[in-house]
N, C-alpha and C. Protein backbone atom coordinates (compact mmCIF):
# COMPACT_ATOMS: atom_id res chain seq x y z
N MET A 1 13.33 16.83 2.00
CA MET A 1 12.68 16.92 0.72
C MET A 1 11.78 18.14 0.75
N THR A 2 11.82 18.92 -0.29
CA THR A 2 10.98 20.11 -0.37
C THR A 2 9.89 19.99 -1.42
N SER A 3 10.04 19.07 -2.38
CA SER A 3 9.01 18.87 -3.39
C SER A 3 9.21 17.53 -4.06
N THR A 4 8.19 17.10 -4.81
CA THR A 4 8.27 15.85 -5.55
C THR A 4 7.38 15.95 -6.78
N THR A 5 7.72 15.18 -7.79
CA THR A 5 6.88 15.11 -8.98
C THR A 5 6.19 13.76 -9.07
N ALA A 6 6.28 12.97 -8.00
CA ALA A 6 5.66 11.64 -7.98
C ALA A 6 4.14 11.78 -8.07
N PRO A 7 3.50 10.96 -8.91
CA PRO A 7 2.04 11.01 -9.01
C PRO A 7 1.40 10.72 -7.65
N GLY A 8 0.37 11.45 -7.31
CA GLY A 8 -0.36 11.20 -6.08
C GLY A 8 0.18 11.92 -4.86
N ILE A 9 1.36 12.51 -4.95
CA ILE A 9 1.93 13.23 -3.82
C ILE A 9 1.76 14.72 -4.10
N THR A 10 0.67 15.29 -3.57
CA THR A 10 0.38 16.70 -3.85
C THR A 10 0.65 17.58 -2.65
N ALA A 11 0.83 17.00 -1.47
CA ALA A 11 1.05 17.81 -0.27
C ALA A 11 2.27 17.31 0.47
N LEU A 12 3.06 18.25 0.98
CA LEU A 12 4.24 17.93 1.75
C LEU A 12 4.40 19.02 2.80
N ALA A 13 4.40 18.64 4.09
CA ALA A 13 4.51 19.63 5.16
C ALA A 13 5.29 19.05 6.33
N TYR A 14 5.89 19.94 7.10
CA TYR A 14 6.68 19.58 8.27
C TYR A 14 6.15 20.31 9.49
N ASP A 15 6.32 19.69 10.67
CA ASP A 15 5.91 20.37 11.90
C ASP A 15 7.06 21.23 12.42
N ALA A 16 6.87 21.85 13.58
CA ALA A 16 7.87 22.77 14.14
C ALA A 16 9.18 22.07 14.50
N HIS A 17 9.16 20.75 14.63
CA HIS A 17 10.36 19.98 14.97
C HIS A 17 11.06 19.42 13.74
N GLY A 18 10.53 19.68 12.55
CA GLY A 18 11.13 19.18 11.32
C GLY A 18 10.65 17.81 10.91
N ASN A 19 9.66 17.26 11.63
CA ASN A 19 9.08 15.96 11.28
C ASN A 19 8.12 16.13 10.10
N THR A 20 8.09 15.15 9.22
CA THR A 20 7.13 15.18 8.13
C THR A 20 5.74 15.00 8.73
N SER A 21 4.89 16.01 8.61
CA SER A 21 3.54 15.93 9.18
C SER A 21 2.51 15.54 8.13
N THR A 22 2.73 15.94 6.89
CA THR A 22 1.85 15.57 5.78
C THR A 22 2.71 15.12 4.61
N PHE A 23 2.37 13.95 4.08
CA PHE A 23 3.08 13.42 2.91
C PHE A 23 2.03 12.84 1.99
N GLY A 24 1.69 13.57 0.95
CA GLY A 24 0.62 13.12 0.06
C GLY A 24 -0.69 13.08 0.82
N ALA A 25 -1.34 11.94 0.82
CA ALA A 25 -2.62 11.78 1.51
C ALA A 25 -2.43 11.24 2.92
N GLU A 26 -1.19 11.22 3.42
CA GLU A 26 -0.92 10.69 4.75
C GLU A 26 -0.66 11.81 5.75
N THR A 27 -1.13 11.59 6.97
CA THR A 27 -0.79 12.46 8.09
C THR A 27 0.06 11.64 9.04
N HIS A 28 1.22 12.14 9.39
CA HIS A 28 2.13 11.41 10.29
C HIS A 28 2.00 11.99 11.69
N VAL A 29 1.95 11.10 12.69
CA VAL A 29 1.78 11.48 14.09
C VAL A 29 3.04 11.09 14.86
N TYR A 30 3.49 11.98 15.75
CA TYR A 30 4.71 11.77 16.54
C TYR A 30 4.40 11.91 18.02
N ASP A 31 5.17 11.21 18.85
CA ASP A 31 5.01 11.37 20.30
C ASP A 31 5.86 12.55 20.78
N ILE A 32 5.87 12.76 22.09
CA ILE A 32 6.56 13.92 22.65
C ILE A 32 8.08 13.86 22.42
N ALA A 33 8.62 12.67 22.18
CA ALA A 33 10.05 12.51 21.90
C ALA A 33 10.34 12.54 20.39
N ASP A 34 9.37 12.97 19.61
CA ASP A 34 9.50 13.05 18.15
C ASP A 34 9.70 11.70 17.46
N ARG A 35 9.15 10.66 18.06
CA ARG A 35 9.19 9.33 17.43
C ARG A 35 7.90 9.14 16.63
N HIS A 36 8.06 8.67 15.41
CA HIS A 36 6.88 8.41 14.57
C HIS A 36 6.09 7.27 15.18
N VAL A 37 4.80 7.52 15.47
CA VAL A 37 3.98 6.50 16.12
C VAL A 37 2.78 6.06 15.29
N GLU A 38 2.42 6.85 14.28
CA GLU A 38 1.24 6.48 13.51
C GLU A 38 1.23 7.20 12.16
N THR A 39 0.70 6.52 11.16
CA THR A 39 0.45 7.13 9.86
C THR A 39 -1.02 6.96 9.56
N ARG A 40 -1.68 8.06 9.28
CA ARG A 40 -3.12 8.03 8.98
C ARG A 40 -3.37 8.49 7.55
N ALA A 41 -4.32 7.88 6.92
CA ALA A 41 -4.73 8.33 5.58
C ALA A 41 -5.65 9.52 5.77
N ALA A 42 -5.31 10.63 5.16
CA ALA A 42 -6.15 11.83 5.26
C ALA A 42 -7.51 11.59 4.60
N THR A 43 -7.50 10.89 3.51
CA THR A 43 -8.72 10.52 2.81
C THR A 43 -8.58 9.05 2.43
N PRO A 44 -9.68 8.33 2.32
CA PRO A 44 -9.56 6.93 1.92
C PRO A 44 -8.84 6.79 0.58
N VAL A 45 -7.97 5.81 0.52
CA VAL A 45 -7.25 5.54 -0.71
C VAL A 45 -7.53 4.12 -1.15
N ASN A 46 -7.31 3.85 -2.41
CA ASN A 46 -7.59 2.54 -2.97
C ASN A 46 -6.33 1.69 -2.96
N VAL A 47 -6.42 0.53 -2.35
CA VAL A 47 -5.32 -0.42 -2.27
C VAL A 47 -5.74 -1.69 -3.01
N ALA A 48 -4.83 -2.24 -3.81
CA ALA A 48 -5.11 -3.49 -4.52
C ALA A 48 -4.56 -4.66 -3.70
N LEU A 49 -5.34 -5.70 -3.54
CA LEU A 49 -4.92 -6.94 -2.88
C LEU A 49 -4.94 -8.03 -3.95
N ILE A 50 -3.74 -8.49 -4.34
CA ILE A 50 -3.62 -9.51 -5.39
C ILE A 50 -3.53 -10.88 -4.72
N VAL A 51 -4.44 -11.77 -5.07
CA VAL A 51 -4.52 -13.09 -4.45
C VAL A 51 -4.64 -14.17 -5.52
N ALA A 52 -4.42 -15.42 -5.08
CA ALA A 52 -4.53 -16.54 -6.00
C ALA A 52 -5.99 -16.94 -6.23
N ASN A 53 -6.83 -16.77 -5.21
CA ASN A 53 -8.22 -17.19 -5.33
C ASN A 53 -9.14 -16.15 -4.69
N PRO A 54 -9.60 -15.16 -5.46
CA PRO A 54 -10.44 -14.10 -4.88
C PRO A 54 -11.75 -14.61 -4.28
N GLY A 55 -12.21 -15.75 -4.73
CA GLY A 55 -13.46 -16.31 -4.21
C GLY A 55 -13.33 -16.93 -2.84
N SER A 56 -12.11 -17.20 -2.41
CA SER A 56 -11.87 -17.83 -1.12
C SER A 56 -10.56 -17.30 -0.53
N LEU A 57 -10.64 -16.15 0.15
CA LEU A 57 -9.44 -15.54 0.71
C LEU A 57 -8.88 -16.39 1.84
N SER A 58 -7.55 -16.45 1.90
CA SER A 58 -6.89 -17.15 3.00
C SER A 58 -7.09 -16.36 4.29
N THR A 59 -6.78 -16.95 5.42
CA THR A 59 -6.87 -16.27 6.71
C THR A 59 -6.00 -15.03 6.71
N GLN A 60 -4.79 -15.16 6.18
CA GLN A 60 -3.86 -14.02 6.14
C GLN A 60 -4.40 -12.90 5.25
N ASP A 61 -4.92 -13.26 4.09
CA ASP A 61 -5.47 -12.26 3.18
C ASP A 61 -6.67 -11.55 3.81
N SER A 62 -7.55 -12.30 4.44
CA SER A 62 -8.72 -11.72 5.10
C SER A 62 -8.30 -10.77 6.22
N TRP A 63 -7.30 -11.18 7.00
CA TRP A 63 -6.80 -10.34 8.08
C TRP A 63 -6.23 -9.04 7.54
N PHE A 64 -5.39 -9.13 6.49
CA PHE A 64 -4.75 -7.94 5.95
C PHE A 64 -5.80 -7.01 5.32
N LYS A 65 -6.75 -7.59 4.61
CA LYS A 65 -7.82 -6.79 4.02
C LYS A 65 -8.60 -6.06 5.12
N GLY A 66 -8.91 -6.76 6.19
CA GLY A 66 -9.63 -6.16 7.31
C GLY A 66 -8.86 -5.03 7.96
N ARG A 67 -7.55 -5.20 8.12
CA ARG A 67 -6.71 -4.15 8.71
C ARG A 67 -6.70 -2.90 7.83
N LEU A 68 -6.59 -3.10 6.53
CA LEU A 68 -6.59 -1.95 5.62
C LEU A 68 -7.94 -1.22 5.67
N GLN A 69 -9.03 -1.99 5.68
CA GLN A 69 -10.35 -1.38 5.73
C GLN A 69 -10.58 -0.66 7.06
N ALA A 70 -10.08 -1.23 8.15
CA ALA A 70 -10.20 -0.59 9.46
C ALA A 70 -9.44 0.73 9.51
N ALA A 71 -8.39 0.84 8.70
CA ALA A 71 -7.61 2.08 8.63
C ALA A 71 -8.23 3.07 7.64
N GLY A 72 -9.39 2.72 7.10
CA GLY A 72 -10.09 3.64 6.21
C GLY A 72 -9.76 3.49 4.74
N GLN A 73 -9.07 2.42 4.38
CA GLN A 73 -8.69 2.20 2.98
C GLN A 73 -9.81 1.46 2.24
N THR A 74 -9.90 1.70 0.95
CA THR A 74 -10.77 0.94 0.08
C THR A 74 -9.92 -0.16 -0.54
N VAL A 75 -10.35 -1.41 -0.42
CA VAL A 75 -9.54 -2.54 -0.90
C VAL A 75 -10.21 -3.17 -2.11
N THR A 76 -9.46 -3.28 -3.20
CA THR A 76 -9.92 -3.96 -4.40
C THR A 76 -9.18 -5.28 -4.50
N VAL A 77 -9.90 -6.40 -4.42
CA VAL A 77 -9.28 -7.72 -4.51
C VAL A 77 -9.16 -8.09 -5.98
N LEU A 78 -7.93 -8.46 -6.39
CA LEU A 78 -7.66 -8.80 -7.79
C LEU A 78 -7.12 -10.22 -7.89
N ASP A 79 -7.49 -10.91 -8.95
CA ASP A 79 -7.01 -12.26 -9.22
C ASP A 79 -5.64 -12.17 -9.89
N ASP A 80 -4.69 -13.00 -9.44
CA ASP A 80 -3.36 -12.97 -10.04
C ASP A 80 -3.36 -13.48 -11.48
N ASN A 81 -4.34 -14.30 -11.84
CA ASN A 81 -4.44 -14.81 -13.20
C ASN A 81 -5.03 -13.74 -14.11
N GLY A 82 -4.32 -13.39 -15.16
CA GLY A 82 -4.81 -12.40 -16.10
C GLY A 82 -4.68 -10.97 -15.62
N LEU A 83 -3.91 -10.73 -14.56
CA LEU A 83 -3.73 -9.39 -14.04
C LEU A 83 -3.04 -8.51 -15.07
N THR A 84 -3.47 -7.25 -15.17
CA THR A 84 -2.85 -6.30 -16.09
C THR A 84 -2.31 -5.11 -15.30
N ALA A 85 -1.30 -4.46 -15.85
CA ALA A 85 -0.70 -3.30 -15.18
C ALA A 85 -1.72 -2.19 -14.90
N PRO A 86 -2.63 -1.87 -15.84
CA PRO A 86 -3.60 -0.81 -15.55
C PRO A 86 -4.49 -1.10 -14.33
N ALA A 87 -4.68 -2.37 -14.00
CA ALA A 87 -5.52 -2.72 -12.85
C ALA A 87 -4.91 -2.24 -11.54
N VAL A 88 -3.59 -2.11 -11.47
CA VAL A 88 -2.94 -1.69 -10.22
C VAL A 88 -2.28 -0.32 -10.32
N SER A 89 -2.02 0.17 -11.50
CA SER A 89 -1.36 1.47 -11.64
C SER A 89 -2.19 2.57 -11.00
N GLY A 90 -1.53 3.45 -10.29
CA GLY A 90 -2.20 4.56 -9.65
C GLY A 90 -2.81 4.25 -8.30
N LYS A 91 -2.78 2.99 -7.88
CA LYS A 91 -3.27 2.65 -6.55
C LYS A 91 -2.29 3.23 -5.52
N ALA A 92 -2.78 3.54 -4.33
CA ALA A 92 -1.91 4.05 -3.27
C ALA A 92 -1.02 2.95 -2.73
N GLY A 93 -1.45 1.71 -2.87
CA GLY A 93 -0.66 0.59 -2.39
C GLY A 93 -1.10 -0.69 -3.05
N VAL A 94 -0.20 -1.66 -3.07
CA VAL A 94 -0.50 -2.98 -3.62
C VAL A 94 -0.01 -4.02 -2.64
N VAL A 95 -0.86 -4.98 -2.33
CA VAL A 95 -0.50 -6.11 -1.48
C VAL A 95 -0.48 -7.35 -2.37
N VAL A 96 0.65 -8.04 -2.41
CA VAL A 96 0.75 -9.30 -3.15
C VAL A 96 0.74 -10.40 -2.10
N SER A 97 -0.27 -11.22 -2.13
CA SER A 97 -0.46 -12.28 -1.15
C SER A 97 0.60 -13.37 -1.27
N GLY A 98 0.86 -14.03 -0.16
CA GLY A 98 1.76 -15.18 -0.16
C GLY A 98 1.17 -16.35 -0.94
N SER A 99 -0.13 -16.30 -1.23
CA SER A 99 -0.75 -17.38 -2.01
C SER A 99 -0.44 -17.26 -3.50
N VAL A 100 0.10 -16.11 -3.92
CA VAL A 100 0.39 -15.87 -5.34
C VAL A 100 1.72 -16.51 -5.71
N VAL A 101 1.72 -17.27 -6.79
CA VAL A 101 2.95 -17.86 -7.32
C VAL A 101 3.61 -16.81 -8.21
N PRO A 102 4.85 -16.41 -7.91
CA PRO A 102 5.49 -15.35 -8.69
C PRO A 102 5.45 -15.56 -10.21
N ALA A 103 5.59 -16.80 -10.65
CA ALA A 103 5.58 -17.07 -12.08
C ALA A 103 4.24 -16.71 -12.71
N THR A 104 3.16 -16.75 -11.92
CA THR A 104 1.84 -16.39 -12.44
C THR A 104 1.81 -14.91 -12.81
N LEU A 105 2.44 -14.08 -11.99
CA LEU A 105 2.47 -12.64 -12.26
C LEU A 105 3.43 -12.30 -13.39
N GLY A 106 4.52 -13.06 -13.47
CA GLY A 106 5.52 -12.76 -14.50
C GLY A 106 6.07 -11.36 -14.32
N THR A 107 6.07 -10.57 -15.37
CA THR A 107 6.62 -9.21 -15.32
C THR A 107 5.53 -8.15 -15.41
N VAL A 108 4.28 -8.54 -15.21
CA VAL A 108 3.16 -7.61 -15.40
C VAL A 108 3.25 -6.39 -14.48
N LEU A 109 3.87 -6.53 -13.32
CA LEU A 109 3.93 -5.42 -12.37
C LEU A 109 5.17 -4.54 -12.57
N ASN A 110 6.06 -4.92 -13.47
CA ASN A 110 7.31 -4.18 -13.65
C ASN A 110 7.11 -2.73 -14.09
N THR A 111 6.04 -2.44 -14.78
CA THR A 111 5.85 -1.08 -15.31
C THR A 111 4.86 -0.26 -14.49
N CYS A 112 4.48 -0.76 -13.32
CA CYS A 112 3.48 -0.07 -12.50
C CYS A 112 4.15 0.89 -11.53
N TYR A 113 3.62 2.12 -11.46
CA TYR A 113 4.06 3.04 -10.43
C TYR A 113 3.04 3.00 -9.31
N VAL A 114 3.51 2.56 -8.14
CA VAL A 114 2.66 2.46 -6.96
C VAL A 114 3.48 3.00 -5.79
N PHE A 115 2.82 3.75 -4.90
CA PHE A 115 3.52 4.38 -3.79
C PHE A 115 4.04 3.36 -2.78
N ARG A 116 3.27 2.34 -2.45
CA ARG A 116 3.69 1.37 -1.43
C ARG A 116 3.34 -0.04 -1.87
N TRP A 117 4.29 -0.95 -1.71
CA TRP A 117 4.11 -2.37 -2.03
C TRP A 117 4.24 -3.20 -0.77
N TRP A 118 3.39 -4.20 -0.60
CA TRP A 118 3.51 -5.18 0.47
C TRP A 118 3.58 -6.55 -0.18
N TRP A 119 4.56 -7.35 0.24
CA TRP A 119 4.66 -8.74 -0.22
C TRP A 119 4.45 -9.60 1.01
N LEU A 120 3.37 -10.37 1.03
CA LEU A 120 3.08 -11.23 2.17
C LEU A 120 3.63 -12.61 1.90
N THR A 121 4.33 -13.14 2.88
CA THR A 121 4.81 -14.51 2.80
C THR A 121 4.30 -15.25 4.03
N ARG A 122 4.50 -16.53 4.05
CA ARG A 122 4.04 -17.30 5.21
C ARG A 122 4.82 -16.93 6.47
N GLN A 123 6.08 -16.52 6.32
CA GLN A 123 6.91 -16.22 7.47
C GLN A 123 6.94 -14.74 7.85
N SER A 124 6.74 -13.85 6.88
CA SER A 124 6.93 -12.43 7.19
C SER A 124 6.14 -11.54 6.25
N GLN A 125 6.19 -10.28 6.56
CA GLN A 125 5.60 -9.25 5.69
C GLN A 125 6.73 -8.29 5.33
N GLN A 126 6.89 -8.01 4.05
CA GLN A 126 7.92 -7.09 3.61
C GLN A 126 7.26 -5.89 2.95
N THR A 127 7.77 -4.70 3.24
CA THR A 127 7.20 -3.47 2.70
C THR A 127 8.28 -2.67 1.99
N TRP A 128 7.93 -2.15 0.83
CA TRP A 128 8.83 -1.24 0.12
C TRP A 128 8.06 0.03 -0.18
N ASP A 129 8.67 1.16 0.15
CA ASP A 129 8.09 2.45 -0.21
C ASP A 129 8.93 3.02 -1.33
N TRP A 130 8.26 3.59 -2.33
CA TRP A 130 8.99 4.15 -3.47
C TRP A 130 8.84 5.62 -3.48
């Protein structure tokens, strides 16, 4: 890839080995064998955490929020009830908790452009990059 028109992706660079070294606000780190080992946020970015009960985060939600904050991210906790597309549009990432009932969200997220989505379930974590 040599360029993109995706919102939020303003920088794109490669190292001497052809590895993506900068992608938007991310810096990618590789080991001596050119294996991707880490992704760092160049500057703090805002991530939305959508939960069923913002007043009482589950253990999983608290853990994920803590991991994002430890990586330098700013986390905005949002209630799944009454959620609107503008509340998450433009965020660098969105985490939908396993505590959220899909029917509660309905189609509100269908029109949102977000760089990275995480769907947390009781059994696994699924990630989609767009």
